[in-house]
N, C-alpha and C. Protein backbone atom coordinates (compact mmCIF):
# COMPACT_ATOMS: atom_id res chain seq x y z
N MET A 1 26.62 -8.15 7.73
CA MET A 1 25.76 -7.95 8.87
C MET A 1 24.47 -7.20 8.41
N ASP A 2 23.33 -7.73 8.75
CA ASP A 2 22.06 -7.10 8.30
C ASP A 2 21.68 -6.12 9.39
N THR A 3 21.64 -4.84 9.00
CA THR A 3 21.25 -3.74 9.96
C THR A 3 19.86 -3.25 9.65
N THR A 4 19.13 -3.90 8.80
CA THR A 4 17.77 -3.44 8.44
C THR A 4 16.91 -3.26 9.62
N ASN A 5 16.86 -4.31 10.46
CA ASN A 5 15.94 -4.20 11.64
C ASN A 5 16.32 -3.11 12.57
N THR A 6 17.65 -2.91 12.82
CA THR A 6 18.06 -1.83 13.73
C THR A 6 17.74 -0.46 13.26
N VAL A 7 17.86 -0.24 11.88
CA VAL A 7 17.52 1.04 11.28
C VAL A 7 16.01 1.26 11.40
N ILE A 8 15.30 0.26 11.08
CA ILE A 8 13.73 0.39 11.09
C ILE A 8 13.31 0.61 12.58
N ASP A 9 13.91 -0.03 13.49
CA ASP A 9 13.56 0.13 14.83
C ASP A 9 13.78 1.50 15.39
N ARG A 10 14.63 2.29 14.76
CA ARG A 10 14.89 3.67 15.16
C ARG A 10 13.84 4.66 14.69
N ILE A 11 13.00 4.26 13.76
CA ILE A 11 11.93 5.08 13.26
C ILE A 11 10.79 5.10 14.20
N SER A 12 10.20 6.23 14.48
CA SER A 12 9.12 6.35 15.47
C SER A 12 7.89 5.60 14.89
N GLU A 13 7.04 5.17 15.76
CA GLU A 13 5.80 4.47 15.32
C GLU A 13 4.97 5.36 14.40
N ARG A 14 4.85 6.60 14.81
CA ARG A 14 3.98 7.54 13.99
C ARG A 14 4.60 7.76 12.62
N ASP A 15 5.90 7.97 12.57
CA ASP A 15 6.54 8.13 11.29
C ASP A 15 6.44 6.93 10.41
N PHE A 16 6.49 5.72 11.03
CA PHE A 16 6.37 4.54 10.17
C PHE A 16 4.96 4.37 9.73
N LEU A 17 3.98 4.80 10.59
CA LEU A 17 2.58 4.76 10.15
C LEU A 17 2.38 5.70 8.95
N SER A 18 3.03 6.86 9.00
CA SER A 18 2.93 7.78 7.85
C SER A 18 3.41 7.18 6.57
N SER A 19 4.45 6.37 6.65
CA SER A 19 4.91 5.67 5.44
C SER A 19 3.87 4.64 4.99
N MET A 20 3.26 3.92 5.95
CA MET A 20 2.22 2.93 5.59
C MET A 20 1.06 3.68 4.91
N GLN A 21 0.68 4.80 5.49
CA GLN A 21 -0.38 5.60 4.90
C GLN A 21 -0.07 6.09 3.49
N LEU A 22 1.19 6.43 3.27
CA LEU A 22 1.54 6.80 1.87
C LEU A 22 1.40 5.57 0.93
N ALA A 23 1.76 4.40 1.38
CA ALA A 23 1.59 3.20 0.59
C ALA A 23 0.15 2.99 0.28
N GLU A 24 -0.65 3.20 1.29
CA GLU A 24 -2.16 3.06 1.08
C GLU A 24 -2.65 4.09 0.09
N ALA A 25 -2.23 5.37 0.25
CA ALA A 25 -2.65 6.38 -0.63
C ALA A 25 -2.25 6.14 -2.11
N MET A 26 -1.10 5.51 -2.25
CA MET A 26 -0.66 5.13 -3.62
C MET A 26 -1.33 3.86 -4.18
N GLY A 27 -1.98 3.14 -3.30
CA GLY A 27 -2.54 1.86 -3.74
C GLY A 27 -1.52 0.76 -3.85
N ASP A 28 -0.45 0.91 -3.08
CA ASP A 28 0.78 -0.02 -3.22
C ASP A 28 0.66 -1.10 -2.14
N MET A 29 -0.04 -2.18 -2.41
CA MET A 29 -0.23 -3.22 -1.45
C MET A 29 1.08 -4.03 -1.23
N THR A 30 1.93 -4.10 -2.19
CA THR A 30 3.19 -4.83 -2.01
C THR A 30 4.10 -4.15 -0.95
N SER A 31 4.17 -2.84 -1.05
CA SER A 31 4.99 -2.06 -0.05
C SER A 31 4.28 -2.07 1.29
N LEU A 32 2.98 -1.95 1.29
CA LEU A 32 2.26 -1.99 2.59
C LEU A 32 2.46 -3.37 3.29
N ALA A 33 2.40 -4.45 2.55
CA ALA A 33 2.64 -5.76 3.17
C ALA A 33 4.10 -5.84 3.65
N ALA A 34 5.00 -5.36 2.94
CA ALA A 34 6.39 -5.43 3.32
C ALA A 34 6.60 -4.65 4.60
N MET A 35 5.93 -3.46 4.74
CA MET A 35 6.03 -2.65 5.92
C MET A 35 5.45 -3.40 7.18
N PHE A 36 4.37 -4.09 7.02
CA PHE A 36 3.84 -4.85 8.12
C PHE A 36 4.83 -5.88 8.58
N HIS A 37 5.50 -6.51 7.60
CA HIS A 37 6.52 -7.51 7.93
C HIS A 37 7.75 -6.95 8.58
N ALA A 38 8.15 -5.70 8.08
CA ALA A 38 9.45 -5.18 8.57
C ALA A 38 9.37 -4.48 9.93
N TYR A 39 8.20 -4.05 10.32
CA TYR A 39 8.09 -3.27 11.59
C TYR A 39 7.03 -3.94 12.50
N ARG A 40 7.35 -5.18 12.86
CA ARG A 40 6.39 -6.00 13.62
C ARG A 40 6.07 -5.48 15.00
N LYS A 41 7.03 -4.63 15.58
CA LYS A 41 6.75 -4.09 16.89
C LYS A 41 5.58 -3.17 16.96
N LEU A 42 5.20 -2.66 15.78
CA LEU A 42 4.00 -1.69 15.74
C LEU A 42 2.77 -2.41 16.26
N SER A 43 2.65 -3.76 16.12
CA SER A 43 1.49 -4.49 16.57
C SER A 43 1.45 -4.51 18.10
N ARG A 44 2.56 -4.22 18.76
CA ARG A 44 2.65 -4.21 20.22
C ARG A 44 2.63 -2.84 20.79
N SER A 45 2.28 -1.87 20.03
CA SER A 45 2.30 -0.48 20.55
C SER A 45 1.39 -0.33 21.71
N THR A 46 1.74 0.51 22.57
CA THR A 46 0.86 0.88 23.75
C THR A 46 0.02 2.14 23.47
N ASP A 47 0.22 2.74 22.33
CA ASP A 47 -0.48 3.95 21.92
C ASP A 47 -1.84 3.53 21.27
N PRO A 48 -2.96 3.91 21.88
CA PRO A 48 -4.26 3.53 21.31
C PRO A 48 -4.45 4.05 19.89
N GLY A 49 -3.97 5.25 19.55
CA GLY A 49 -4.10 5.81 18.25
C GLY A 49 -3.30 4.99 17.17
N VAL A 50 -2.16 4.54 17.62
CA VAL A 50 -1.32 3.74 16.67
C VAL A 50 -2.01 2.35 16.51
N GLN A 51 -2.55 1.80 17.55
CA GLN A 51 -3.21 0.50 17.45
C GLN A 51 -4.42 0.59 16.60
N SER A 52 -5.17 1.65 16.69
CA SER A 52 -6.32 1.84 15.83
C SER A 52 -5.97 1.96 14.34
N GLU A 53 -5.00 2.80 14.10
CA GLU A 53 -4.54 2.99 12.64
C GLU A 53 -3.92 1.66 12.15
N TYR A 54 -3.13 0.99 12.99
CA TYR A 54 -2.57 -0.29 12.57
C TYR A 54 -3.67 -1.25 12.17
N ALA A 55 -4.73 -1.38 12.97
CA ALA A 55 -5.78 -2.30 12.64
C ALA A 55 -6.49 -1.89 11.37
N ARG A 56 -6.72 -0.60 11.17
CA ARG A 56 -7.35 -0.08 9.98
C ARG A 56 -6.51 -0.45 8.74
N LEU A 57 -5.17 -0.16 8.80
CA LEU A 57 -4.31 -0.47 7.73
C LEU A 57 -4.20 -1.96 7.47
N ARG A 58 -4.34 -2.81 8.49
CA ARG A 58 -4.34 -4.21 8.30
C ARG A 58 -5.56 -4.66 7.49
N SER A 59 -6.66 -4.05 7.80
CA SER A 59 -7.90 -4.34 7.02
C SER A 59 -7.79 -3.89 5.63
N VAL A 60 -7.18 -2.76 5.40
CA VAL A 60 -6.95 -2.21 4.04
C VAL A 60 -6.08 -3.19 3.24
N LEU A 61 -5.04 -3.68 3.90
CA LEU A 61 -4.07 -4.59 3.25
C LEU A 61 -4.86 -5.91 2.89
N GLU A 62 -5.60 -6.47 3.80
CA GLU A 62 -6.25 -7.72 3.56
C GLU A 62 -7.26 -7.56 2.38
N ALA A 63 -8.01 -6.50 2.38
CA ALA A 63 -8.96 -6.30 1.33
C ALA A 63 -8.19 -6.03 -0.02
N GLY A 64 -7.15 -5.25 0.07
CA GLY A 64 -6.35 -5.01 -1.13
C GLY A 64 -5.71 -6.23 -1.73
N GLN A 65 -5.21 -7.12 -0.87
CA GLN A 65 -4.63 -8.37 -1.40
C GLN A 65 -5.63 -9.22 -2.04
N GLN A 66 -6.84 -9.24 -1.55
CA GLN A 66 -7.94 -9.99 -2.22
C GLN A 66 -8.16 -9.46 -3.57
N ILE A 67 -8.26 -8.16 -3.76
CA ILE A 67 -8.51 -7.55 -4.99
C ILE A 67 -7.36 -7.82 -5.97
N GLU A 68 -6.12 -7.75 -5.44
CA GLU A 68 -4.96 -8.00 -6.29
C GLU A 68 -4.84 -9.47 -6.74
N GLN A 69 -5.34 -10.38 -5.88
CA GLN A 69 -5.40 -11.77 -6.27
C GLN A 69 -6.31 -11.97 -7.51
N GLN A 70 -7.33 -11.17 -7.55
CA GLN A 70 -8.33 -11.31 -8.60
C GLN A 70 -7.91 -10.46 -9.86
N HIS A 71 -7.37 -9.32 -9.69
CA HIS A 71 -7.08 -8.40 -10.81
C HIS A 71 -5.63 -8.21 -11.08
N GLY A 72 -4.75 -8.86 -10.33
CA GLY A 72 -3.33 -8.81 -10.62
C GLY A 72 -2.61 -7.80 -9.73
N ARG A 73 -1.29 -8.10 -9.54
CA ARG A 73 -0.44 -7.25 -8.73
C ARG A 73 -0.34 -5.85 -9.32
N GLY A 74 -0.56 -4.90 -8.44
CA GLY A 74 -0.49 -3.50 -8.79
C GLY A 74 -1.86 -2.93 -9.27
N SER A 75 -2.90 -3.76 -9.30
CA SER A 75 -4.17 -3.26 -9.80
C SER A 75 -4.76 -2.20 -8.92
N LEU A 76 -4.33 -1.96 -7.77
CA LEU A 76 -4.81 -0.91 -6.92
C LEU A 76 -4.04 0.42 -6.96
N PHE A 77 -2.91 0.40 -7.72
CA PHE A 77 -2.14 1.65 -7.85
C PHE A 77 -3.03 2.75 -8.32
N ARG A 78 -2.89 3.88 -7.67
CA ARG A 78 -3.67 5.06 -8.05
C ARG A 78 -2.74 5.84 -9.06
N LEU A 79 -3.10 5.68 -10.32
CA LEU A 79 -2.24 6.15 -11.39
C LEU A 79 -2.09 7.73 -11.38
N ASP A 80 -3.01 8.44 -10.78
CA ASP A 80 -2.93 9.92 -10.65
C ASP A 80 -2.21 10.33 -9.38
N HIS A 81 -1.67 9.43 -8.60
CA HIS A 81 -0.93 9.89 -7.38
C HIS A 81 0.46 10.32 -7.80
N PRO A 82 0.95 11.40 -7.27
CA PRO A 82 2.23 11.96 -7.71
C PRO A 82 3.39 10.93 -7.50
N SER A 83 3.37 10.21 -6.39
CA SER A 83 4.44 9.23 -6.11
C SER A 83 4.41 8.04 -7.14
N VAL A 84 3.21 7.66 -7.48
CA VAL A 84 3.07 6.57 -8.51
C VAL A 84 3.62 7.13 -9.85
N SER A 85 3.33 8.31 -10.19
CA SER A 85 3.85 8.97 -11.41
C SER A 85 5.35 8.99 -11.39
N LEU A 86 5.94 9.40 -10.24
CA LEU A 86 7.39 9.42 -10.14
C LEU A 86 8.01 8.03 -10.28
N PHE A 87 7.47 7.07 -9.54
CA PHE A 87 8.02 5.76 -9.56
C PHE A 87 7.82 5.07 -10.97
N THR A 88 6.79 5.46 -11.60
CA THR A 88 6.57 4.98 -13.00
C THR A 88 7.64 5.51 -13.92
N ALA A 89 7.90 6.84 -13.82
CA ALA A 89 8.93 7.50 -14.61
C ALA A 89 10.32 6.86 -14.39
N LYS A 90 10.59 6.46 -13.15
CA LYS A 90 11.89 5.87 -12.80
C LYS A 90 11.98 4.40 -13.11
N GLY A 91 10.85 3.78 -13.53
CA GLY A 91 10.85 2.37 -13.86
C GLY A 91 10.71 1.49 -12.69
N VAL A 92 10.32 1.99 -11.55
CA VAL A 92 10.16 1.20 -10.29
C VAL A 92 8.91 0.32 -10.38
N ILE A 93 7.84 0.86 -10.99
CA ILE A 93 6.63 0.14 -11.20
C ILE A 93 6.65 -0.50 -12.54
N SER A 94 6.38 -1.82 -12.57
CA SER A 94 6.50 -2.59 -13.84
C SER A 94 5.33 -2.25 -14.79
N PRO A 95 5.59 -2.43 -16.09
CA PRO A 95 4.53 -2.25 -17.09
C PRO A 95 3.29 -3.10 -16.80
N SER A 96 3.51 -4.36 -16.34
CA SER A 96 2.38 -5.26 -16.05
C SER A 96 1.54 -4.71 -14.84
N GLU A 97 2.20 -4.13 -13.87
CA GLU A 97 1.47 -3.54 -12.73
C GLU A 97 0.61 -2.29 -13.13
N LEU A 98 1.28 -1.53 -14.05
CA LEU A 98 0.57 -0.39 -14.59
C LEU A 98 -0.66 -0.80 -15.41
N ALA A 99 -0.43 -1.83 -16.21
CA ALA A 99 -1.56 -2.35 -17.03
C ALA A 99 -2.63 -2.90 -16.14
N ASN A 100 -2.30 -3.58 -15.02
CA ASN A 100 -3.34 -4.09 -14.16
C ASN A 100 -4.10 -2.97 -13.52
N ALA A 101 -3.37 -1.89 -13.11
CA ALA A 101 -4.04 -0.76 -12.51
C ALA A 101 -4.96 -0.08 -13.44
N ALA A 102 -4.51 0.18 -14.71
CA ALA A 102 -5.36 0.80 -15.71
C ALA A 102 -6.55 -0.04 -15.97
N HIS A 103 -6.40 -1.30 -16.15
CA HIS A 103 -7.55 -2.22 -16.45
C HIS A 103 -8.57 -2.21 -15.33
N HIS A 104 -8.03 -2.32 -14.06
CA HIS A 104 -8.89 -2.33 -12.89
C HIS A 104 -9.69 -1.02 -12.77
N GLN A 105 -8.99 0.11 -12.93
CA GLN A 105 -9.63 1.40 -12.82
C GLN A 105 -10.70 1.57 -13.91
N ALA A 106 -10.41 1.05 -15.10
CA ALA A 106 -11.34 1.18 -16.20
C ALA A 106 -12.60 0.30 -15.84
N SER A 107 -12.38 -0.83 -15.25
CA SER A 107 -13.55 -1.66 -14.93
C SER A 107 -14.41 -1.00 -13.86
N LEU A 108 -13.77 -0.34 -12.90
CA LEU A 108 -14.52 0.38 -11.90
C LEU A 108 -15.26 1.53 -12.47
N SER A 109 -14.67 2.26 -13.41
CA SER A 109 -15.40 3.38 -14.10
C SER A 109 -16.65 2.81 -14.77
N GLY A 110 -16.47 1.69 -15.44
CA GLY A 110 -17.67 1.10 -16.12
C GLY A 110 -18.74 0.69 -15.15
N GLN A 111 -18.40 0.22 -13.95
CA GLN A 111 -19.40 -0.15 -12.96
C GLN A 111 -20.13 1.13 -12.45
N ASN A 112 -19.37 2.24 -12.29
CA ASN A 112 -19.97 3.42 -11.85
C ASN A 112 -20.97 3.97 -12.85
N LEU A 113 -20.68 3.86 -14.14
CA LEU A 113 -21.60 4.35 -15.12
C LEU A 113 -22.86 3.45 -15.17
N LEU A 114 -22.77 2.19 -14.85
CA LEU A 114 -23.97 1.31 -14.85
C LEU A 114 -24.84 1.62 -13.61
N CYS A 115 -24.20 2.18 -12.57
CA CYS A 115 -25.03 2.45 -11.32
C CYS A 115 -25.66 3.85 -11.40
N ALA A 116 -25.22 4.67 -12.29
CA ALA A 116 -25.69 6.05 -12.28
C ALA A 116 -27.11 6.12 -12.84
């Protein structure tokens, strides 16, 4: 018996948004996408603050997925984020995702130098 939905449904909207915000802060588009899929009732919230943040995070996800299509899965991971460091040490984040993130961040640093 799959109890995933019932467990997720017990989490408050704001607590679930906090988890989504953590995924955003980490640059983890895969987890953020999974959260949108797992907690669909969030889109029907009657709380204007929840609706606003939900829409903002949806935009973040859409933009992030476009970047990851171009630069590879994991390219938006923030390598200096403590949770990314922890998940890297535990082997949760793959070497290819880490390489994509490092390469993408290096390319952004190069662009910033050109604009300076």
